[in-house]
Amino acid sequence: MYENLTGKKLLVLGSEERDASIVKTAQKMGIYVIAADGIPTSNKTIAKMAADESWDIDYRDTDAYVKKCLEEHVDGVIAGYSENRVLAACRIANRINSPFYATEEQIDITRNKRKFKQLCTKNGVRVPKEFSTNGIPTEDELKQVQLPVIVKPADSAGRKGITICSSFSELKPAVEKAIKESLTGTVVVEEYVTGTEFAAVYTLQDGKYSLSYFCDKYLNTVLPKQGLCDLSFAPSVYLDGFMAECHEPLCNMMRDARMENGVAFYQGIANKNGFYVFEMGYRINGGSDCIQIERYNGVNYMKMLISHSLCGSMVGDLSKDNAKFPVNYGVFYLYAKSGEIAEIEYTGDESIKEIEEVGIYKTPGTVVKNDGTTQQCVFRFRISAPSMDRFCELINYAQDHARIIDTDGNDMLLSRFDTARIKRSV
């Protein structure tokens, strides 16, 4: 299917652990891969070690990348997991005349939560009520707030700068915190909708929109005001309701924004009133769910996106795409509380094949801050099981065998997950 890509050169912006999946996927497709970032010490990262070649250039230095790409005859550029790097990849691709699935205007919609909400409202997608109209809420707007609310940067990711406020005394500090994490110094103050968080992943191919993955997300209860995800689980009990209420409006919204190719994911809340959508990404997401999507549906949006970056076409067959997975599947995360990590290990039995992946994101000597961002994540487990009971057993097994010890010999695990929280029906 991808024979015509053999030998082509692909630049991957970023060299984090998650970027390694892009590097390795492209190499399996016969592509020569260059992994790049602006930190010389990152030469030892998994992505750079896996790549055929690595560059130490800051992703914001577009001129340097363009010069280097032209000299080395790079055929395409790709980035994932960061809107900022996706935007940089878009600009580089445009200047070296290689294909790119998104425009700067489309990327801006996904970076700017206010623009995104306006597009949702225009196309009949329900969003949380907002209490601020411009970049920084005025005193009068804050007086009109109906608690509880969530305050967040208008253009940030990774749960940075987010605060859930249940009292008026929390509002101003929350706004100041969000401003600091915003690239443009702008914030969103909106009603805090309670319920079950969900994520929906769409594969886009020549204007066709296919729902490839839909999961429930269970947030951490120790740091509830930050919204860290403990578990994403599929198949979701809300899938049928989402398809009935949200699928067509979201497709209309993507048509309105002229998004024709790539991958898009949405986050929102499901409750007795229906579905509220509050965020979108027009890029590869951090869950690496394309592995399971390909296993059960034969569709791999990462391969399709790599193909588009090199030849301008999302090569792949969406005819079997189906978000209702035939097994219980989840991505389970464990976080550390404040402290310096002295020991970290997973002591579980590697022969348990249902625990498909054990990712360890920290090393001894790492100092963790209790800031409620994804930097507190230490372990990621990818688990599949034929029954819900077995799935819950494996979640408990994983957290029983994950050790995070600080320099004083204390357990640094932030919290244990209660599997009774997983919904079995609406």
Foldseek 3Di string as FASTA:
>chain_A
DLVVQAAAEEEEEDQAPLSLVLQVVVVVSNYQYEYEAQDPVCCPGNNNVSHPYYYRDHLVPLVVLLVVCVVVVHQFYAYFADLVSLLSRQVNCVSNVFFAQDDNVVSVCQQFLVSVVVLLVVLVAAAFAWQADDFARDPVSLVVDDDFKWKAARGADQLFLIFTDGDSVVPVVSLVRRLVRYPVSGMIIGYDDDAWKKKWKWFAFQLDTFTQAIWTFDADPLCVGSGHTFKTKPPDQCVVLCCVRPDVSVSVSCVVVVRHGAMKMWMWHQDPVGIHTRHMHRRDHDPCCLVVSCVQQVDRRSVLNVSCRRPNGSDDDCPRRDHHGQWMKMKGWWFFEFAFWADWDFPDDPVPCQQPDKDANDDGGDGDYRNSGPVRTGIITIGIDRDLVVRVVVLVSRVVRIATAHPVRDGGTPDRDDSVPDDPHD
